[in-house]
Amino acid sequence: IFQNPNGNPYIQDNQSGLAMGIISDGVYGGNLLDGNATNI
């Protein structure tokens, strides 16, 4: 869908505000040692 190689879309109006979207195929976190590992 998003073929832009520059990554996440981001528009900023000087210091008055911003809008951002994260483009990520999947999200995961944690690790087995801490007992909080997740799948993708």
ModelCIF file with pLDDT and N, C-alpha, C, O atoms, coordinates in Angstrom:
data_MODEL
#
_entry.id   MODEL 
#
_entity.id                         1 
_entity.type                       polymer 
_entity.pdbx_number_of_molecules   1 
#
_entity_poly.entity_id                      1 
_entity_poly.type                           'polypeptide(L)' 
_entity_poly.nstd_linkage                   no 
_entity_poly.nstd_monomer                   no 
_entity_poly.pdbx_seq_one_letter_code       IFQNPNGNPYIQDNQSGLAMGIISDGVYGGNLLDGNATNI 
_entity_poly.pdbx_seq_one_letter_code_can   IFQNPNGNPYIQDNQSGLAMGIISDGVYGGNLLDGNATNI 
_entity_poly.pdbx_strand_id                 A 
#
loop_
_entity_poly_seq.entity_id 
_entity_poly_seq.num 
_entity_poly_seq.mon_id 
_entity_poly_seq.hetero 
1 1  ILE n 
1 2  PHE n 
1 3  GLN n 
1 4  ASN n 
1 5  PRO n 
1 6  ASN n 
1 7  GLY n 
1 8  ASN n 
1 9  PRO n 
1 10 TYR n 
1 11 ILE n 
1 12 GLN n 
1 13 ASP n 
1 14 ASN n 
1 15 GLN n 
1 16 SER n 
1 17 GLY n 
1 18 LEU n 
1 19 ALA n 
1 20 MET n 
1 21 GLY n 
1 22 ILE n 
1 23 ILE n 
1 24 SER n 
1 25 ASP n 
1 26 GLY n 
1 27 VAL n 
1 28 TYR n 
1 29 GLY n 
1 30 GLY n 
1 31 ASN n 
1 32 LEU n 
1 33 LEU n 
1 34 ASP n 
1 35 GLY n 
1 36 ASN n 
1 37 ALA n 
1 38 THR n 
1 39 ASN n 
1 40 ILE n 
#
_struct_asym.id          A 
_struct_asym.entity_id   1 
#
loop_
_ma_qa_metric.id 
_ma_qa_metric.mode 
_ma_qa_metric.name 
_ma_qa_metric.software_group_id 
_ma_qa_metric.type 
1 global pLDDT . pLDDT 
2 local  pLDDT . pLDDT 
#
_ma_qa_metric_global.metric_id      1 
_ma_qa_metric_global.metric_value   85.33 
_ma_qa_metric_global.model_id       1 
_ma_qa_metric_global.ordinal_id     1 
#
loop_
_ma_qa_metric_local.label_asym_id 
_ma_qa_metric_local.label_comp_id 
_ma_qa_metric_local.label_seq_id 
_ma_qa_metric_local.metric_id 
_ma_qa_metric_local.metric_value 
_ma_qa_metric_local.model_id 
_ma_qa_metric_local.ordinal_id 
A ILE 1  2 93.00 1 1  
A PHE 2  2 89.00 1 2  
A GLN 3  2 77.00 1 3  
A ASN 4  2 64.00 1 4  
A PRO 5  2 61.00 1 5  
A ASN 6  2 61.00 1 6  
A GLY 7  2 78.00 1 7  
A ASN 8  2 87.00 1 8  
A PRO 9  2 89.00 1 9  
A TYR 10 2 88.00 1 10 
A ILE 11 2 89.00 1 11 
A GLN 12 2 87.00 1 12 
A ASP 13 2 84.00 1 13 
A ASN 14 2 78.00 1 14 
A GLN 15 2 75.00 1 15 
A SER 16 2 78.00 1 16 
A GLY 17 2 86.00 1 17 
A LEU 18 2 89.00 1 18 
A ALA 19 2 92.00 1 19 
A MET 20 2 90.00 1 20 
A GLY 21 2 92.00 1 21 
A ILE 22 2 93.00 1 22 
A ILE 23 2 93.00 1 23 
A SER 24 2 93.00 1 24 
A ASP 25 2 94.00 1 25 
A GLY 26 2 95.00 1 26 
A VAL 27 2 94.00 1 27 
A TYR 28 2 92.00 1 28 
A GLY 29 2 90.00 1 29 
A GLY 30 2 87.00 1 30 
A ASN 31 2 83.00 1 31 
A LEU 32 2 81.00 1 32 
A LEU 33 2 80.00 1 33 
A ASP 34 2 79.00 1 34 
A GLY 35 2 82.00 1 35 
A ASN 36 2 87.00 1 36 
A ALA 37 2 88.00 1 37 
A THR 38 2 91.00 1 38 
A ASN 39 2 91.00 1 39 
A ILE 40 2 93.00 1 40 
#
loop_
_atom_site.group_PDB 
_atom_site.id 
_atom_site.type_symbol 
_atom_site.label_atom_id 
_atom_site.label_alt_id 
_atom_site.label_comp_id 
_atom_site.label_asym_id 
_atom_site.label_entity_id 
_atom_site.label_seq_id 
_atom_site.pdbx_PDB_ins_code 
_atom_site.Cartn_x 
_atom_site.Cartn_y 
_atom_site.Cartn_z 
_atom_site.occupancy 
_atom_site.B_iso_or_equiv 
_atom_site.pdbx_formal_charge 
_atom_site.auth_seq_id 
_atom_site.auth_comp_id 
_atom_site.auth_asym_id 
_atom_site.auth_atom_id 
_atom_site.pdbx_PDB_model_num 
ATOM 1   N N  . ILE A 1 1  ? 0.831  -1.202  0.000  1.00 93.00 ? 1  ILE A N  1 
ATOM 2   C CA . ILE A 1 1  ? 0.000  0.000   0.000  1.00 93.00 ? 1  ILE A CA 1 
ATOM 3   C C  . ILE A 1 1  ? 0.862  1.247   0.000  1.00 93.00 ? 1  ILE A C  1 
ATOM 4   O O  . ILE A 1 1  ? 0.648  2.152   -0.807 1.00 93.00 ? 1  ILE A O  1 
ATOM 5   N N  . PHE A 1 2  ? 1.844  1.302   0.907  1.00 89.00 ? 2  PHE A N  1 
ATOM 6   C CA . PHE A 1 2  ? 2.704  2.477   1.045  1.00 89.00 ? 2  PHE A CA 1 
ATOM 7   C C  . PHE A 1 2  ? 4.045  2.165   0.406  1.00 89.00 ? 2  PHE A C  1 
ATOM 8   O O  . PHE A 1 2  ? 4.868  1.461   0.992  1.00 89.00 ? 2  PHE A O  1 
ATOM 9   N N  . GLN A 1 3  ? 4.268  2.683   -0.790 1.00 77.00 ? 3  GLN A N  1 
ATOM 10  C CA . GLN A 1 3  ? 5.495  2.399   -1.516 1.00 77.00 ? 3  GLN A CA 1 
ATOM 11  C C  . GLN A 1 3  ? 6.540  3.482   -1.326 1.00 77.00 ? 3  GLN A C  1 
ATOM 12  O O  . GLN A 1 3  ? 7.584  3.471   -1.979 1.00 77.00 ? 3  GLN A O  1 
ATOM 13  N N  . ASN A 1 4  ? 6.257  4.417   -0.431 1.00 64.00 ? 4  ASN A N  1 
ATOM 14  C CA . ASN A 1 4  ? 7.206  5.494   -0.156 1.00 64.00 ? 4  ASN A CA 1 
ATOM 15  C C  . ASN A 1 4  ? 8.373  4.954   0.668  1.00 64.00 ? 4  ASN A C  1 
ATOM 16  O O  . ASN A 1 4  ? 8.155  4.493   1.788  1.00 64.00 ? 4  ASN A O  1 
ATOM 17  N N  . PRO A 1 5  ? 9.598  4.994   0.157  1.00 61.00 ? 5  PRO A N  1 
ATOM 18  C CA . PRO A 1 5  ? 10.730 4.449   0.905  1.00 61.00 ? 5  PRO A CA 1 
ATOM 19  C C  . PRO A 1 5  ? 11.168 5.316   2.078  1.00 61.00 ? 5  PRO A C  1 
ATOM 20  O O  . PRO A 1 5  ? 12.050 4.915   2.838  1.00 61.00 ? 5  PRO A O  1 
ATOM 21  N N  . ASN A 1 6  ? 10.567 6.504   2.243  1.00 61.00 ? 6  ASN A N  1 
ATOM 22  C CA . ASN A 1 6  ? 11.000 7.404   3.310  1.00 61.00 ? 6  ASN A CA 1 
ATOM 23  C C  . ASN A 1 6  ? 10.435 7.031   4.679  1.00 61.00 ? 6  ASN A C  1 
ATOM 24  O O  . ASN A 1 6  ? 10.803 7.639   5.685  1.00 61.00 ? 6  ASN A O  1 
ATOM 25  N N  . GLY A 1 7  ? 9.542  6.036   4.729  1.00 78.00 ? 7  GLY A N  1 
ATOM 26  C CA . GLY A 1 7  ? 9.082  5.559   6.033  1.00 78.00 ? 7  GLY A CA 1 
ATOM 27  C C  . GLY A 1 7  ? 7.802  6.217   6.498  1.00 78.00 ? 7  GLY A C  1 
ATOM 28  O O  . GLY A 1 7  ? 6.906  6.499   5.701  1.00 78.00 ? 7  GLY A O  1 
ATOM 29  N N  . ASN A 1 8  ? 7.724  6.461   7.800  1.00 87.00 ? 8  ASN A N  1 
ATOM 30  C CA . ASN A 1 8  ? 6.488  6.905   8.425  1.00 87.00 ? 8  ASN A CA 1 
ATOM 31  C C  . ASN A 1 8  ? 6.065  8.298   7.948  1.00 87.00 ? 8  ASN A C  1 
ATOM 32  O O  . ASN A 1 8  ? 6.890  9.211   7.923  1.00 87.00 ? 8  ASN A O  1 
ATOM 33  N N  . PRO A 1 9  ? 4.785  8.477   7.567  1.00 89.00 ? 9  PRO A N  1 
ATOM 34  C CA . PRO A 1 9  ? 4.315  9.808   7.183  1.00 89.00 ? 9  PRO A CA 1 
ATOM 35  C C  . PRO A 1 9  ? 4.284  10.743  8.385  1.00 89.00 ? 9  PRO A C  1 
ATOM 36  O O  . PRO A 1 9  ? 3.944  10.330  9.494  1.00 89.00 ? 9  PRO A O  1 
ATOM 37  N N  . TYR A 1 10 ? 4.639  11.991  8.162  1.00 88.00 ? 10 TYR A N  1 
ATOM 38  C CA . TYR A 1 10 ? 4.777  12.955  9.261  1.00 88.00 ? 10 TYR A CA 1 
ATOM 39  C C  . TYR A 1 10 ? 4.544  14.348  8.716  1.00 88.00 ? 10 TYR A C  1 
ATOM 40  O O  . TYR A 1 10 ? 5.216  14.760  7.770  1.00 88.00 ? 10 TYR A O  1 
ATOM 41  N N  . ILE A 1 11 ? 3.611  15.078  9.288  1.00 89.00 ? 11 ILE A N  1 
ATOM 42  C CA . ILE A 1 11 ? 3.383  16.480  8.931  1.00 89.00 ? 11 ILE A CA 1 
ATOM 43  C C  . ILE A 1 11 ? 3.434  17.305  10.205 1.00 89.00 ? 11 ILE A C  1 
ATOM 44  O O  . ILE A 1 11 ? 2.756  16.993  11.184 1.00 89.00 ? 11 ILE A O  1 
ATOM 45  N N  . GLN A 1 12 ? 4.246  18.366  10.189 1.00 87.00 ? 12 GLN A N  1 
ATOM 46  C CA . GLN A 1 12 ? 4.396  19.234  11.359 1.00 87.00 ? 12 GLN A CA 1 
ATOM 47  C C  . GLN A 1 12 ? 4.129  20.678  10.962 1.00 87.00 ? 12 GLN A C  1 
ATOM 48  O O  . GLN A 1 12 ? 4.650  21.166  9.958  1.00 87.00 ? 12 GLN A O  1 
ATOM 49  N N  . ASP A 1 13 ? 3.314  21.355  11.759 1.00 84.00 ? 13 ASP A N  1 
ATOM 50  C CA . ASP A 1 13 ? 3.018  22.767  11.551 1.00 84.00 ? 13 ASP A CA 1 
ATOM 51  C C  . ASP A 1 13 ? 3.837  23.581  12.545 1.00 84.00 ? 13 ASP A C  1 
ATOM 52  O O  . ASP A 1 13 ? 3.348  23.981  13.601 1.00 84.00 ? 13 ASP A O  1 
ATOM 53  N N  . ASN A 1 14 ? 5.107  23.818  12.179 1.00 78.00 ? 14 ASN A N  1 
ATOM 54  C CA . ASN A 1 14 ? 6.040  24.517  13.064 1.00 78.00 ? 14 ASN A CA 1 
ATOM 55  C C  . ASN A 1 14 ? 5.980  23.907  14.469 1.00 78.00 ? 14 ASN A C  1 
ATOM 56  O O  . ASN A 1 14 ? 6.150  22.697  14.620 1.00 78.00 ? 14 ASN A O  1 
ATOM 57  N N  . GLN A 1 15 ? 5.744  24.720  15.487 1.00 75.00 ? 15 GLN A N  1 
ATOM 58  C CA . GLN A 1 15 ? 5.677  24.214  16.857 1.00 75.00 ? 15 GLN A CA 1 
ATOM 59  C C  . GLN A 1 15 ? 4.235  24.023  17.337 1.00 75.00 ? 15 GLN A C  1 
ATOM 60  O O  . GLN A 1 15 ? 4.007  23.661  18.491 1.00 75.00 ? 15 GLN A O  1 
ATOM 61  N N  . SER A 1 16 ? 3.265  24.268  16.452 1.00 78.00 ? 16 SER A N  1 
ATOM 62  C CA . SER A 1 16 ? 1.874  24.270  16.900 1.00 78.00 ? 16 SER A CA 1 
ATOM 63  C C  . SER A 1 16 ? 1.212  22.907  16.842 1.00 78.00 ? 16 SER A C  1 
ATOM 64  O O  . SER A 1 16 ? 0.145  22.731  17.430 1.00 78.00 ? 16 SER A O  1 
ATOM 65  N N  . GLY A 1 17 ? 1.799  21.939  16.159 1.00 86.00 ? 17 GLY A N  1 
ATOM 66  C CA . GLY A 1 17 ? 1.170  20.634  16.121 1.00 86.00 ? 17 GLY A CA 1 
ATOM 67  C C  . GLY A 1 17 ? 1.821  19.702  15.124 1.00 86.00 ? 17 GLY A C  1 
ATOM 68  O O  . GLY A 1 17 ? 2.565  20.134  14.243 1.00 86.00 ? 17 GLY A O  1 
ATOM 69  N N  . LEU A 1 18 ? 1.535  18.418  15.268 1.00 89.00 ? 18 LEU A N  1 
ATOM 70  C CA . LEU A 1 18 ? 2.060  17.414  14.356 1.00 89.00 ? 18 LEU A CA 1 
ATOM 71  C C  . LEU A 1 18 ? 1.072  16.265  14.234 1.00 89.00 ? 18 LEU A C  1 
ATOM 72  O O  . LEU A 1 18 ? 0.260  16.020  15.126 1.00 89.00 ? 18 LEU A O  1 
ATOM 73  N N  . ALA A 1 19 ? 1.161  15.565  13.107 1.00 92.00 ? 19 ALA A N  1 
ATOM 74  C CA . ALA A 1 19 ? 0.422  14.330  12.884 1.00 92.00 ? 19 ALA A CA 1 
ATOM 75  C C  . ALA A 1 19 ? 1.409  13.302  12.352 1.00 92.00 ? 19 ALA A C  1 
ATOM 76  O O  . ALA A 1 19 ? 2.261  13.622  11.523 1.00 92.00 ? 19 ALA A O  1 
ATOM 77  N N  . MET A 1 20 ? 1.293  12.071  12.829 1.00 90.00 ? 20 MET A N  1 
ATOM 78  C CA . MET A 1 20 ? 2.254  11.043  12.452 1.00 90.00 ? 20 MET A CA 1 
ATOM 79  C C  . MET A 1 20 ? 1.543  9.705   12.375 1.00 90.00 ? 20 MET A C  1 
ATOM 80  O O  . MET A 1 20 ? 0.614  9.442   13.139 1.00 90.00 ? 20 MET A O  1 
ATOM 81  N N  . GLY A 1 21 ? 1.976  8.870   11.460 1.00 92.00 ? 21 GLY A N  1 
ATOM 82  C CA . GLY A 1 21 ? 1.488  7.505   11.372 1.00 92.00 ? 21 GLY A CA 1 
ATOM 83  C C  . GLY A 1 21 ? 2.654  6.544   11.324 1.00 92.00 ? 21 GLY A C  1 
ATOM 84  O O  . GLY A 1 21 ? 3.660  6.829   10.675 1.00 92.00 ? 21 GLY A O  1 
ATOM 85  N N  . ILE A 1 22 ? 2.542  5.413   11.996 1.00 93.00 ? 22 ILE A N  1 
ATOM 86  C CA . ILE A 1 22 ? 3.613  4.410   12.011 1.00 93.00 ? 22 ILE A CA 1 
ATOM 87  C C  . ILE A 1 22 ? 3.294  3.334   10.988 1.00 93.00 ? 22 ILE A C  1 
ATOM 88  O O  . ILE A 1 22 ? 2.219  2.733   11.022 1.00 93.00 ? 22 ILE A O  1 
ATOM 89  N N  . ILE A 1 23 ? 4.239  3.089   10.067 1.00 93.00 ? 23 ILE A N  1 
ATOM 90  C CA . ILE A 1 23 ? 4.120  2.021   9.083  1.00 93.00 ? 23 ILE A CA 1 
ATOM 91  C C  . ILE A 1 23 ? 5.025  0.870   9.521  1.00 93.00 ? 23 ILE A C  1 
ATOM 92  O O  . ILE A 1 23 ? 6.246  0.951   9.392  1.00 93.00 ? 23 ILE A O  1 
ATOM 93  N N  . SER A 1 24 ? 4.429  -0.189  10.033 1.00 93.00 ? 24 SER A N  1 
ATOM 94  C CA . SER A 1 24 ? 5.180  -1.345  10.505 1.00 93.00 ? 24 SER A CA 1 
ATOM 95  C C  . SER A 1 24 ? 4.427  -2.610  10.111 1.00 93.00 ? 24 SER A C  1 
ATOM 96  O O  . SER A 1 24 ? 3.228  -2.726  10.368 1.00 93.00 ? 24 SER A O  1 
ATOM 97  N N  . ASP A 1 25 ? 5.119  -3.554  9.490  1.00 94.00 ? 25 ASP A N  1 
ATOM 98  C CA . ASP A 1 25 ? 4.474  -4.808  9.115  1.00 94.00 ? 25 ASP A CA 1 
ATOM 99  C C  . ASP A 1 25 ? 4.003  -5.586  10.335 1.00 94.00 ? 25 ASP A C  1 
ATOM 100 O O  . ASP A 1 25 ? 2.984  -6.274  10.286 1.00 94.00 ? 25 ASP A O  1 
ATOM 101 N N  . GLY A 1 26 ? 4.748  -5.473  11.424 1.00 95.00 ? 26 GLY A N  1 
ATOM 102 C CA . GLY A 1 26 ? 4.383  -6.187  12.642 1.00 95.00 ? 26 GLY A CA 1 
ATOM 103 C C  . GLY A 1 26 ? 5.077  -5.589  13.848 1.00 95.00 ? 26 GLY A C  1 
ATOM 104 O O  . GLY A 1 26 ? 6.058  -4.858  13.714 1.00 95.00 ? 26 GLY A O  1 
ATOM 105 N N  . VAL A 1 27 ? 4.567  -5.901  15.020 1.00 94.00 ? 27 VAL A N  1 
ATOM 106 C CA . VAL A 1 27 ? 5.111  -5.372  16.276 1.00 94.00 ? 27 VAL A CA 1 
ATOM 107 C C  . VAL A 1 27 ? 5.309  -6.534  17.241 1.00 94.00 ? 27 VAL A C  1 
ATOM 108 O O  . VAL A 1 27 ? 4.446  -7.403  17.365 1.00 94.00 ? 27 VAL A O  1 
ATOM 109 N N  . TYR A 1 28 ? 6.456  -6.543  17.928 1.00 92.00 ? 28 TYR A N  1 
ATOM 110 C CA . TYR A 1 28 ? 6.691  -7.537  18.978 1.00 92.00 ? 28 TYR A CA 1 
ATOM 111 C C  . TYR A 1 28 ? 7.575  -6.908  20.041 1.00 92.00 ? 28 TYR A C  1 
ATOM 112 O O  . TYR A 1 28 ? 8.182  -5.863  19.808 1.00 92.00 ? 28 TYR A O  1 
ATOM 113 N N  . GLY A 1 29 ? 7.650  -7.529  21.193 1.00 90.00 ? 29 GLY A N  1 
ATOM 114 C CA . GLY A 1 29 ? 8.469  -6.972  22.268 1.00 90.00 ? 29 GLY A CA 1 
ATOM 115 C C  . GLY A 1 29 ? 8.720  -7.980  23.368 1.00 90.00 ? 29 GLY A C  1 
ATOM 116 O O  . GLY A 1 29 ? 8.237  -9.112  23.327 1.00 90.00 ? 29 GLY A O  1 
ATOM 117 N N  . GLY A 1 30 ? 9.498  -7.536  24.365 1.00 87.00 ? 30 GLY A N  1 
ATOM 118 C CA . GLY A 1 30 ? 9.808  -8.375  25.505 1.00 87.00 ? 30 GLY A CA 1 
ATOM 119 C C  . GLY A 1 30 ? 10.867 -9.416  25.205 1.00 87.00 ? 30 GLY A C  1 
ATOM 120 O O  . GLY A 1 30 ? 11.423 -9.441  24.107 1.00 87.00 ? 30 GLY A O  1 
ATOM 121 N N  . ASN A 1 31 ? 11.151 -10.274 26.172 1.00 83.00 ? 31 ASN A N  1 
ATOM 122 C CA . ASN A 1 31 ? 12.098 -11.366 25.989 1.00 83.00 ? 31 ASN A CA 1 
ATOM 123 C C  . ASN A 1 31 ? 11.777 -12.489 26.962 1.00 83.00 ? 31 ASN A C  1 
ATOM 124 O O  . ASN A 1 31 ? 11.043 -12.303 27.932 1.00 83.00 ? 31 ASN A O  1 
ATOM 125 N N  . LEU A 1 32 ? 12.343 -13.659 26.681 1.00 81.00 ? 32 LEU A N  1 
ATOM 126 C CA . LEU A 1 32 ? 12.038 -14.843 27.485 1.00 81.00 ? 32 LEU A CA 1 
ATOM 127 C C  . LEU A 1 32 ? 12.553 -14.720 28.903 1.00 81.00 ? 32 LEU A C  1 
ATOM 128 O O  . LEU A 1 32 ? 11.913 -15.209 29.834 1.00 81.00 ? 32 LEU A O  1 
ATOM 129 N N  . LEU A 1 33 ? 13.699 -14.077 29.090 1.00 80.00 ? 33 LEU A N  1 
ATOM 130 C CA . LEU A 1 33 ? 14.275 -13.964 30.432 1.00 80.00 ? 33 LEU A CA 1 
ATOM 131 C C  . LEU A 1 33 ? 13.372 -13.177 31.359 1.00 80.00 ? 33 LEU A C  1 
ATOM 132 O O  . LEU A 1 33 ? 13.285 -13.492 32.546 1.00 80.00 ? 33 LEU A O  1 
ATOM 133 N N  . ASP A 1 34 ? 12.708 -12.175 30.850 1.00 79.00 ? 34 ASP A N  1 
ATOM 134 C CA . ASP A 1 34 ? 11.797 -11.372 31.666 1.00 79.00 ? 34 ASP A CA 1 
ATOM 135 C C  . ASP A 1 34 ? 10.380 -11.938 31.680 1.00 79.00 ? 34 ASP A C  1 
ATOM 136 O O  . ASP A 1 34 ? 9.511  -11.426 32.385 1.00 79.00 ? 34 ASP A O  1 
ATOM 137 N N  . GLY A 1 35 ? 10.148 -12.992 30.901 1.00 82.00 ? 35 GLY A N  1 
ATOM 138 C CA . GLY A 1 35 ? 8.839  -13.607 30.877 1.00 82.00 ? 35 GLY A CA 1 
ATOM 139 C C  . GLY A 1 35 ? 7.764  -12.781 30.197 1.00 82.00 ? 35 GLY A C  1 
ATOM 140 O O  . GLY A 1 35 ? 6.578  -12.961 30.475 1.00 82.00 ? 35 GLY A O  1 
ATOM 141 N N  . ASN A 1 36 ? 8.159  -11.875 29.306 1.00 87.00 ? 36 ASN A N  1 
ATOM 142 C CA . ASN A 1 36 ? 7.166  -11.020 28.649 1.00 87.00 ? 36 ASN A CA 1 
ATOM 143 C C  . ASN A 1 36 ? 7.299  -11.023 27.131 1.00 87.00 ? 36 ASN A C  1 
ATOM 144 O O  . ASN A 1 36 ? 6.861  -10.084 26.467 1.00 87.00 ? 36 ASN A O  1 
ATOM 145 N N  . ALA A 1 37 ? 7.910  -12.092 26.569 1.00 88.00 ? 37 ALA A N  1 
ATOM 146 C CA . ALA A 1 37 ? 8.099  -12.171 25.125 1.00 88.00 ? 37 ALA A CA 1 
ATOM 147 C C  . ALA A 1 37 ? 6.755  -12.330 24.415 1.00 88.00 ? 37 ALA A C  1 
ATOM 148 O O  . ALA A 1 37 ? 5.845  -12.982 24.926 1.00 88.00 ? 37 ALA A O  1 
ATOM 149 N N  . THR A 1 38 ? 6.647  -11.737 23.252 1.00 91.00 ? 38 THR A N  1 
ATOM 150 C CA . THR A 1 38 ? 5.418  -11.850 22.466 1.00 91.00 ? 38 THR A CA 1 
ATOM 151 C C  . THR A 1 38 ? 5.730  -12.384 21.072 1.00 91.00 ? 38 THR A C  1 
ATOM 152 O O  . THR A 1 38 ? 6.875  -12.346 20.620 1.00 91.00 ? 38 THR A O  1 
ATOM 153 N N  . ASN A 1 39 ? 4.717  -12.870 20.414 1.00 91.00 ? 39 ASN A N  1 
ATOM 154 C CA . ASN A 1 39 ? 4.824  -13.179 18.997 1.00 91.00 ? 39 ASN A CA 1 
ATOM 155 C C  . ASN A 1 39 ? 4.715  -11.890 18.192 1.00 91.00 ? 39 ASN A C  1 
ATOM 156 O O  . ASN A 1 39 ? 4.454  -10.824 18.749 1.00 91.00 ? 39 ASN A O  1 
ATOM 157 N N  . ILE A 1 40 ? 4.914  -11.991 16.883 1.00 93.00 ? 40 ILE A N  1 
ATOM 158 C CA . ILE A 1 40 ? 4.757  -10.830 16.016 1.00 93.00 ? 40 ILE A CA 1 
ATOM 159 C C  . ILE A 1 40 ? 3.271  -10.574 15.810 1.00 93.00 ? 40 ILE A C  1 
ATOM 160 O O  . ILE A 1 40 ? 2.897  -9.636  15.107 1.00 93.00 ? 40 ILE A O  1 
#
